[in-house]
Amino acid sequence: MAKSQSLQDPFLNVLRKEKIPVSIYLINGIKLQGQVESFDQFVVLLRSNVSQMIYKHAISTIVPARSIRVSFDGDEAVSEEVETEITI
């Protein structure tokens, strides 16, 4: 069976590459703000004044400061003016 592509990776990659500010809401209601520095299967590194490692299972929602468009069909992800929000 072919490996399915994650929706998270292209979304987070655009945020990382273009250094788009984000608000990350945790499941306990805390709001964190900064830029996605890096990510893997389990964590997101968020940079503001300091770097914070946030476990994905603790994330409720990631909201970019501006609208982006993400291509999920294997093409290079690019940002454009399209409303996007993703809940992990």
PDB file of N, CA and C in Angstrom:
ATOM      1  N   MET A   1       0.842  -1.182   0.000  1.00  0.00           N
ATOM      2  CA  MET A   1       0.000   0.000   0.000  1.00  0.00           C
ATOM      3  C   MET A   1       0.882   1.239   0.000  1.00  0.00           C
ATOM      4  N   ALA A   2       0.541   2.229  -0.809  1.00  0.00           N
ATOM      5  CA  ALA A   2       1.332   3.449  -0.914  1.00  0.00           C
ATOM      6  C   ALA A   2       1.177   4.300   0.331  1.00  0.00           C
ATOM      7  N   LYS A   3       2.262   4.962   0.710  1.00  0.00           N
ATOM      8  CA  LYS A   3       2.234   5.839   1.883  1.00  0.00           C
ATOM      9  C   LYS A   3       1.452   7.100   1.545  1.00  0.00           C
ATOM     10  N   SER A   4       0.454   7.440   2.352  1.00  0.00           N
ATOM     11  CA  SER A   4      -0.318   8.644   2.103  1.00  0.00           C
ATOM     12  C   SER A   4       0.454   9.860   2.596  1.00  0.00           C
ATOM     13  N   GLN A   5       0.295  10.963   1.874  1.00  0.00           N
ATOM     14  CA  GLN A   5       0.998  12.191   2.228  1.00  0.00           C
ATOM     15  C   GLN A   5       0.236  12.910   3.325  1.00  0.00           C
ATOM     16  N   SER A   6       0.959  13.386   4.293  1.00  0.00           N
ATOM     17  CA  SER A   6       0.379  14.128   5.395  1.00  0.00           C
ATOM     18  C   SER A   6      -0.063  15.508   4.921  1.00  0.00           C
ATOM     19  N   LEU A   7      -1.153  16.001   5.438  1.00  0.00           N
ATOM     20  CA  LEU A   7      -1.574  17.379   5.158  1.00  0.00           C
ATOM     21  C   LEU A   7      -0.779  18.370   5.999  1.00  0.00           C
ATOM     22  N   GLN A   8      -0.268  17.891   7.130  1.00  0.00           N
ATOM     23  CA  GLN A   8       0.468  18.768   8.032  1.00  0.00           C
ATOM     24  C   GLN A   8       1.779  19.246   7.422  1.00  0.00           C
ATOM     25  N   ASP A   9       2.499  18.338   6.780  1.00  0.00           N
ATOM     26  CA  ASP A   9       3.845  18.671   6.306  1.00  0.00           C
ATOM     27  C   ASP A   9       3.885  19.829   5.309  1.00  0.00           C
ATOM     28  N   PRO A  10       3.074  19.810   4.228  1.00  0.00           N
ATOM     29  CA  PRO A  10       3.104  20.951   3.302  1.00  0.00           C
ATOM     30  C   PRO A  10       2.664  22.256   3.977  1.00  0.00           C
ATOM     31  N   PHE A  11       1.672  22.178   4.847  1.00  0.00           N
ATOM     32  CA  PHE A  11       1.183  23.363   5.558  1.00  0.00           C
ATOM     33  C   PHE A  11       2.280  23.958   6.435  1.00  0.00           C
ATOM     34  N   LEU A  12       2.886  23.121   7.278  1.00  0.00           N
ATOM     35  CA  LEU A  12       3.945  23.596   8.166  1.00  0.00           C
ATOM     36  C   LEU A  12       5.180  24.034   7.386  1.00  0.00           C
ATOM     37  N   ASN A  13       5.437  23.392   6.257  1.00  0.00           N
ATOM     38  CA  ASN A  13       6.603  23.747   5.458  1.00  0.00           C
ATOM     39  C   ASN A  13       6.487  25.151   4.874  1.00  0.00           C
ATOM     40  N   VAL A  14       5.307  25.527   4.397  1.00  0.00           N
ATOM     41  CA  VAL A  14       5.102  26.897   3.898  1.00  0.00           C
ATOM     42  C   VAL A  14       5.310  27.895   5.030  1.00  0.00           C
ATOM     43  N   LEU A  15       4.747  27.596   6.189  1.00  0.00           N
ATOM     44  CA  LEU A  15       4.905  28.498   7.335  1.00  0.00           C
ATOM     45  C   LEU A  15       6.380  28.645   7.715  1.00  0.00           C
ATOM     46  N   ARG A  16       7.122  27.551   7.667  1.00  0.00           N
ATOM     47  CA  ARG A  16       8.547  27.568   8.017  1.00  0.00           C
ATOM     48  C   ARG A  16       9.365  28.322   6.972  1.00  0.00           C
ATOM     49  N   LYS A  17       9.220  27.947   5.704  1.00  0.00           N
ATOM     50  CA  LYS A  17      10.028  28.529   4.633  1.00  0.00           C
ATOM     51  C   LYS A  17       9.810  30.028   4.490  1.00  0.00           C
ATOM     52  N   GLU A  18       8.555  30.461   4.622  1.00  0.00           N
ATOM     53  CA  GLU A  18       8.233  31.871   4.414  1.00  0.00           C
ATOM     54  C   GLU A  18       8.217  32.676   5.711  1.00  0.00           C
ATOM     55  N   LYS A  19       8.571  32.018   6.811  1.00  0.00           N
ATOM     56  CA  LYS A  19       8.659  32.679   8.117  1.00  0.00           C
ATOM     57  C   LYS A  19       7.382  33.458   8.449  1.00  0.00           C
ATOM     58  N   ILE A  20       6.248  32.809   8.203  1.00  0.00           N
ATOM     59  CA  ILE A  20       4.950  33.432   8.458  1.00  0.00           C
ATOM     60  C   ILE A  20       4.637  33.326   9.949  1.00  0.00           C
ATOM     61  N   PRO A  21       4.342  34.443  10.602  1.00  0.00           N
ATOM     62  CA  PRO A  21       3.963  34.380  12.019  1.00  0.00           C
ATOM     63  C   PRO A  21       2.687  33.547  12.203  1.00  0.00           C
ATOM     64  N   VAL A  22       2.658  32.781  13.289  1.00  0.00           N
ATOM     65  CA  VAL A  22       1.505  31.926  13.570  1.00  0.00           C
ATOM     66  C   VAL A  22       1.069  32.079  15.022  1.00  0.00           C
ATOM     67  N   SER A  23      -0.191  31.782  15.257  1.00  0.00           N
ATOM     68  CA  SER A  23      -0.714  31.582  16.605  1.00  0.00           C
ATOM     69  C   SER A  23      -1.020  30.107  16.725  1.00  0.00           C
ATOM     70  N   ILE A  24      -0.476  29.479  17.760  1.00  0.00           N
ATOM     71  CA  ILE A  24      -0.734  28.066  18.016  1.00  0.00           C
ATOM     72  C   ILE A  24      -1.551  27.975  19.293  1.00  0.00           C
ATOM     73  N   TYR A  25      -2.731  27.379  19.174  1.00  0.00           N
ATOM     74  CA  TYR A  25      -3.599  27.190  20.330  1.00  0.00           C
ATOM     75  C   TYR A  25      -3.440  25.755  20.820  1.00  0.00           C
ATOM     76  N   LEU A  26      -3.168  25.618  22.109  1.00  0.00           N
ATOM     77  CA  LEU A  26      -3.021  24.301  22.702  1.00  0.00           C
ATOM     78  C   LEU A  26      -4.378  23.788  23.175  1.00  0.00           C
ATOM     79  N   ILE A  27      -4.473  22.501  23.425  1.00  0.00           N
ATOM     80  CA  ILE A  27      -5.754  21.929  23.846  1.00  0.00           C
ATOM     81  C   ILE A  27      -6.192  22.431  25.214  1.00  0.00           C
ATOM     82  N   ASN A  28      -5.245  22.971  26.007  1.00  0.00           N
ATOM     83  CA  ASN A  28      -5.606  23.525  27.315  1.00  0.00           C
ATOM     84  C   ASN A  28      -5.993  25.005  27.222  1.00  0.00           C
ATOM     85  N   GLY A  29      -6.048  25.561  25.991  1.00  0.00           N
ATOM     86  CA  GLY A  29      -6.486  26.935  25.782  1.00  0.00           C
ATOM     87  C   GLY A  29      -5.378  27.956  25.677  1.00  0.00           C
ATOM     88  N   ILE A  30      -4.144  27.588  25.970  1.00  0.00           N
ATOM     89  CA  ILE A  30      -3.026  28.529  25.897  1.00  0.00           C
ATOM     90  C   ILE A  30      -2.738  28.877  24.442  1.00  0.00           C
ATOM     91  N   LYS A  31      -2.465  30.168  24.206  1.00  0.00           N
ATOM     92  CA  LYS A  31      -2.125  30.657  22.869  1.00  0.00           C
ATOM     93  C   LYS A  31      -0.640  30.983  22.838  1.00  0.00           C
ATOM     94  N   LEU A  32       0.075  30.393  21.884  1.00  0.00           N
ATOM     95  CA  LEU A  32       1.489  30.675  21.683  1.00  0.00           C
ATOM     96  C   LEU A  32       1.646  31.367  20.333  1.00  0.00           C
ATOM     97  N   GLN A  33       2.593  32.309  20.237  1.00  0.00           N
ATOM     98  CA  GLN A  33       2.811  33.010  18.978  1.00  0.00           C
ATOM     99  C   GLN A  33       4.283  32.990  18.626  1.00  0.00           C
ATOM    100  N   GLY A  34       4.557  32.939  17.339  1.00  0.00           N
ATOM    101  CA  GLY A  34       5.931  32.952  16.863  1.00  0.00           C
ATOM    102  C   GLY A  34       5.982  32.470  15.425  1.00  0.00           C
ATOM    103  N   GLN A  35       7.163  31.960  15.037  1.00  0.00           N
ATOM    104  CA  GLN A  35       7.371  31.428  13.694  1.00  0.00           C
ATOM    105  C   GLN A  35       7.793  29.970  13.802  1.00  0.00           C
ATOM    106  N   VAL A  36       7.305  29.164  12.890  1.00  0.00           N
ATOM    107  CA  VAL A  36       7.683  27.752  12.871  1.00  0.00           C
ATOM    108  C   VAL A  36       9.144  27.669  12.432  1.00  0.00           C
ATOM    109  N   GLU A  37       9.973  27.163  13.319  1.00  0.00           N
ATOM    110  CA  GLU A  37      11.399  27.034  13.040  1.00  0.00           C
ATOM    111  C   GLU A  37      11.702  25.681  12.401  1.00  0.00           C
ATOM    112  N   SER A  38      11.024  24.640  12.868  1.00  0.00           N
ATOM    113  CA  SER A  38      11.217  23.289  12.375  1.00  0.00           C
ATOM    114  C   SER A  38      10.071  22.430  12.884  1.00  0.00           C
ATOM    115  N   PHE A  39       9.962  21.212  12.331  1.00  0.00           N
ATOM    116  CA  PHE A  39       8.932  20.283  12.787  1.00  0.00           C
ATOM    117  C   PHE A  39       9.318  18.878  12.344  1.00  0.00           C
ATOM    118  N   ASP A  40       8.744  17.907  13.026  1.00  0.00           N
ATOM    119  CA  ASP A  40       8.885  16.514  12.616  1.00  0.00           C
ATOM    120  C   ASP A  40       7.563  15.807  12.869  1.00  0.00           C
ATOM    121  N   GLN A  41       7.590  14.521  12.950  1.00  0.00           N
ATOM    122  CA  GLN A  41       6.363  13.742  13.123  1.00  0.00           C
ATOM    123  C   GLN A  41       5.657  14.039  14.446  1.00  0.00           C
ATOM    124  N   PHE A  42       6.425  14.423  15.475  1.00  0.00           N
ATOM    125  CA  PHE A  42       5.863  14.554  16.818  1.00  0.00           C
ATOM    126  C   PHE A  42       5.858  15.966  17.399  1.00  0.00           C
ATOM    127  N   VAL A  43       6.745  16.849  16.940  1.00  0.00           N
ATOM    128  CA  VAL A  43       6.885  18.163  17.565  1.00  0.00           C
ATOM    129  C   VAL A  43       6.964  19.284  16.529  1.00  0.00           C
ATOM    130  N   VAL A  44       6.686  20.495  17.015  1.00  0.00           N
ATOM    131  CA  VAL A  44       6.886  21.727  16.249  1.00  0.00           C
ATOM    132  C   VAL A  44       7.791  22.614  17.094  1.00  0.00           C
ATOM    133  N   LEU A  45       8.854  23.146  16.481  1.00  0.00           N
ATOM    134  CA  LEU A  45       9.690  24.127  17.174  1.00  0.00           C
ATOM    135  C   LEU A  45       9.184  25.509  16.799  1.00  0.00           C
ATOM    136  N   LEU A  46       8.806  26.290  17.800  1.00  0.00           N
ATOM    137  CA  LEU A  46       8.260  27.629  17.603  1.00  0.00           C
ATOM    138  C   LEU A  46       9.247  28.640  18.144  1.00  0.00           C
ATOM    139  N   ARG A  47       9.612  29.618  17.305  1.00  0.00           N
ATOM    140  CA  ARG A  47      10.560  30.636  17.731  1.00  0.00           C
ATOM    141  C   ARG A  47       9.840  31.963  17.908  1.00  0.00           C
ATOM    142  N   SER A  48      10.006  32.543  19.104  1.00  0.00           N
ATOM    143  CA  SER A  48       9.591  33.922  19.374  1.00  0.00           C
ATOM    144  C   SER A  48      10.825  34.568  19.991  1.00  0.00           C
ATOM    145  N   ASN A  49      10.801  34.926  21.249  1.00  0.00           N
ATOM    146  CA  ASN A  49      12.018  35.389  21.920  1.00  0.00           C
ATOM    147  C   ASN A  49      12.953  34.221  22.206  1.00  0.00           C
ATOM    148  N   VAL A  50      12.353  33.062  22.435  1.00  0.00           N
ATOM    149  CA  VAL A  50      13.096  31.821  22.663  1.00  0.00           C
ATOM    150  C   VAL A  50      12.463  30.737  21.790  1.00  0.00           C
ATOM    151  N   SER A  51      13.141  29.614  21.635  1.00  0.00           N
ATOM    152  CA  SER A  51      12.564  28.482  20.921  1.00  0.00           C
ATOM    153  C   SER A  51      11.810  27.599  21.909  1.00  0.00           C
ATOM    154  N   GLN A  52      10.621  27.154  21.488  1.00  0.00           N
ATOM    155  CA  GLN A  52       9.815  26.258  22.309  1.00  0.00           C
ATOM    156  C   GLN A  52       9.520  25.005  21.499  1.00  0.00           C
ATOM    157  N   MET A  53       9.680  23.846  22.111  1.00  0.00           N
ATOM    158  CA  MET A  53       9.315  22.597  21.471  1.00  0.00           C
ATOM    159  C   MET A  53       7.912  22.235  21.942  1.00  0.00           C
ATOM    160  N   ILE A  54       6.987  22.137  21.007  1.00  0.00           N
ATOM    161  CA  ILE A  54       5.586  21.866  21.323  1.00  0.00           C
ATOM    162  C   ILE A  54       5.226  20.505  20.740  1.00  0.00           C
ATOM    163  N   TYR A  55       4.752  19.620  21.580  1.00  0.00           N
ATOM    164  CA  TYR A  55       4.320  18.313  21.095  1.00  0.00           C
ATOM    165  C   TYR A  55       3.015  18.468  20.323  1.00  0.00           C
ATOM    166  N   LYS A  56       2.948  17.857  19.155  1.00  0.00           N
ATOM    167  CA  LYS A  56       1.771  17.988  18.302  1.00  0.00           C
ATOM    168  C   LYS A  56       0.500  17.497  18.981  1.00  0.00           C
ATOM    169  N   HIS A  57       0.597  16.505  19.839  1.00  0.00           N
ATOM    170  CA  HIS A  57      -0.621  16.005  20.499  1.00  0.00           C
ATOM    171  C   HIS A  57      -1.221  17.040  21.450  1.00  0.00           C
ATOM    172  N   ALA A  58      -0.453  18.100  21.781  1.00  0.00           N
ATOM    173  CA  ALA A  58      -0.949  19.169  22.650  1.00  0.00           C
ATOM    174  C   ALA A  58      -1.547  20.334  21.854  1.00  0.00           C
ATOM    175  N   ILE A  59      -1.413  20.295  20.521  1.00  0.00           N
ATOM    176  CA  ILE A  59      -1.879  21.397  19.670  1.00  0.00           C
ATOM    177  C   ILE A  59      -3.322  21.161  19.253  1.00  0.00           C
ATOM    178  N   SER A  60      -4.118  22.219  19.392  1.00  0.00           N
ATOM    179  CA  SER A  60      -5.490  22.189  18.914  1.00  0.00           C
ATOM    180  C   SER A  60      -5.565  22.787  17.510  1.00  0.00           C
ATOM    181  N   THR A  61      -5.033  24.009  17.340  1.00  0.00           N
ATOM    182  CA  THR A  61      -5.185  24.747  16.092  1.00  0.00           C
ATOM    183  C   THR A  61      -3.942  25.577  15.808  1.00  0.00           C
ATOM    184  N   ILE A  62      -3.594  25.695  14.521  1.00  0.00           N
ATOM    185  CA  ILE A  62      -2.521  26.581  14.077  1.00  0.00           C
ATOM    186  C   ILE A  62      -3.138  27.596  13.131  1.00  0.00           C
ATOM    187  N   VAL A  63      -2.966  28.884  13.444  1.00  0.00           N
ATOM    188  CA  VAL A  63      -3.562  29.957  12.646  1.00  0.00           C
ATOM    189  C   VAL A  63      -2.459  30.877  12.125  1.00  0.00           C
ATOM    190  N   PRO A  64      -2.238  30.910  10.801  1.00  0.00           N
ATOM    191  CA  PRO A  64      -1.249  31.833  10.232  1.00  0.00           C
ATOM    192  C   PRO A  64      -1.708  33.277  10.373  1.00  0.00           C
ATOM    193  N   ALA A  65      -0.749  34.207  10.473  1.00  0.00           N
ATOM    194  CA  ALA A  65      -1.068  35.628  10.590  1.00  0.00           C
ATOM    195  C   ALA A  65      -1.638  36.185   9.297  1.00  0.00           C
ATOM    196  N   ARG A  66      -1.344  35.523   8.195  1.00  0.00           N
ATOM    197  CA  ARG A  66      -1.922  35.924   6.910  1.00  0.00           C
ATOM    198  C   ARG A  66      -2.381  34.668   6.187  1.00  0.00           C
ATOM    199  N   SER A  67      -3.230  34.856   5.227  1.00  0.00           N
ATOM    200  CA  SER A  67      -3.763  33.721   4.477  1.00  0.00           C
ATOM    201  C   SER A  67      -2.681  33.102   3.609  1.00  0.00           C
ATOM    202  N   ILE A  68      -2.733  31.773   3.482  1.00  0.00           N
ATOM    203  CA  ILE A  68      -1.784  31.071   2.618  1.00  0.00           C
ATOM    204  C   ILE A  68      -2.529  30.050   1.788  1.00  0.00           C
ATOM    205  N   ARG A  69      -1.886  29.620   0.713  1.00  0.00           N
ATOM    206  CA  ARG A  69      -2.416  28.520  -0.092  1.00  0.00           C
ATOM    207  C   ARG A  69      -1.369  27.426  -0.097  1.00  0.00           C
ATOM    208  N   VAL A  70      -1.817  26.224   0.152  1.00  0.00           N
ATOM    209  CA  VAL A  70      -0.914  25.082   0.213  1.00  0.00           C
ATOM    210  C   VAL A  70      -1.329  24.074  -0.834  1.00  0.00           C
ATOM    211  N   SER A  71      -0.371  23.635  -1.638  1.00  0.00           N
ATOM    212  CA  SER A  71      -0.622  22.605  -2.636  1.00  0.00           C
ATOM    213  C   SER A  71      -0.332  21.257  -2.014  1.00  0.00           C
ATOM    214  N   PHE A  72      -1.290  20.337  -2.053  1.00  0.00           N
ATOM    215  CA  PHE A  72      -1.136  19.028  -1.429  1.00  0.00           C
ATOM    216  C   PHE A  72      -0.916  17.909  -2.443  1.00  0.00           C
ATOM    217  N   ASP A  73      -0.770  18.252  -3.715  1.00  0.00           N
ATOM    218  CA  ASP A  73      -0.660  17.203  -4.741  1.00  0.00           C
ATOM    219  C   ASP A  73       0.776  16.876  -5.115  1.00  0.00           C
ATOM    220  N   GLY A  74       1.716  17.186  -4.234  1.00  0.00           N
ATOM    221  CA  GLY A  74       3.111  16.868  -4.506  1.00  0.00           C
ATOM    222  C   GLY A  74       3.875  18.033  -5.105  1.00  0.00           C
ATOM    223  N   ASP A  75       3.171  19.090  -5.558  1.00  0.00           N
ATOM    224  CA  ASP A  75       3.855  20.264  -6.064  1.00  0.00           C
ATOM    225  C   ASP A  75       4.475  21.022  -4.907  1.00  0.00           C
ATOM    226  N   GLU A  76       5.391  21.914  -5.218  1.00  0.00           N
ATOM    227  CA  GLU A  76       6.004  22.757  -4.198  1.00  0.00           C
ATOM    228  C   GLU A  76       4.923  23.635  -3.582  1.00  0.00           C
ATOM    229  N   ALA A  77       4.888  23.682  -2.278  1.00  0.00           N
ATOM    230  CA  ALA A  77       3.889  24.492  -1.585  1.00  0.00           C
ATOM    231  C   ALA A  77       4.266  25.964  -1.701  1.00  0.00           C
ATOM    232  N   VAL A  78       3.306  26.797  -2.028  1.00  0.00           N
ATOM    233  CA  VAL A  78       3.526  28.230  -2.161  1.00  0.00           C
ATOM    234  C   VAL A  78       2.447  28.964  -1.396  1.00  0.00           C
ATOM    235  N   SER A  79       2.759  30.213  -0.998  1.00  0.00           N
ATOM    236  CA  SER A  79       1.740  30.961  -0.273  1.00  0.00           C
ATOM    237  C   SER A  79       1.059  31.954  -1.196  1.00  0.00           C
ATOM    238  N   GLU A  80      -0.234  32.096  -1.009  1.00  0.00           N
ATOM    239  CA  GLU A  80      -1.051  33.057  -1.725  1.00  0.00           C
ATOM    240  C   GLU A  80      -2.130  33.542  -0.779  1.00  0.00           C
ATOM    241  N   GLU A  81      -2.967  34.454  -1.257  1.00  0.00           N
ATOM    242  CA  GLU A  81      -4.033  34.994  -0.430  1.00  0.00           C
ATOM    243  C   GLU A  81      -5.266  34.104  -0.460  1.00  0.00           C
ATOM    244  N   VAL A  82      -5.249  33.039   0.310  1.00  0.00           N
ATOM    245  CA  VAL A  82      -6.395  32.148   0.460  1.00  0.00           C
ATOM    246  C   VAL A  82      -6.520  31.828   1.938  1.00  0.00           C
ATOM    247  N   GLU A  83      -7.729  31.888   2.467  1.00  0.00           N
ATOM    248  CA  GLU A  83      -7.950  31.640   3.885  1.00  0.00           C
ATOM    249  C   GLU A  83      -7.609  30.199   4.231  1.00  0.00           C
ATOM    250  N   THR A  84      -6.725  30.001   5.210  1.00  0.00           N
ATOM    251  CA  THR A  84      -6.316  28.649   5.605  1.00  0.00           C
ATOM    252  C   THR A  84      -6.148  28.576   7.107  1.00  0.00           C
ATOM    253  N   GLU A  85      -6.669  27.524   7.672  1.00  0.00           N
ATOM    254  CA  GLU A  85      -6.471  27.214   9.081  1.00  0.00           C
ATOM    255  C   GLU A  85      -6.476  25.702   9.179  1.00  0.00           C
ATOM    256  N   ILE A  86      -5.598  25.156  10.002  1.00  0.00           N
ATOM    257  CA  ILE A  86      -5.544  23.707  10.122  1.00  0.00           C
ATOM    258  C   ILE A  86      -5.595  23.322  11.584  1.00  0.00           C
ATOM    259  N   THR A  87      -6.351  22.308  11.877  1.00  0.00           N
ATOM    260  CA  THR A  87      -6.426  21.771  13.231  1.00  0.00           C
ATOM    261  C   THR A  87      -5.766  20.412  13.223  1.00  0.00           C
ATOM    262  N   ILE A  88      -4.835  20.234  14.143  1.00  0.00           N
ATOM    263  CA  ILE A  88      -4.086  18.976  14.222  1.00  0.00           C
ATOM    264  C   ILE A  88      -4.774  18.043  15.189  1.00  0.00           C
TER     265      ILE A  88
END
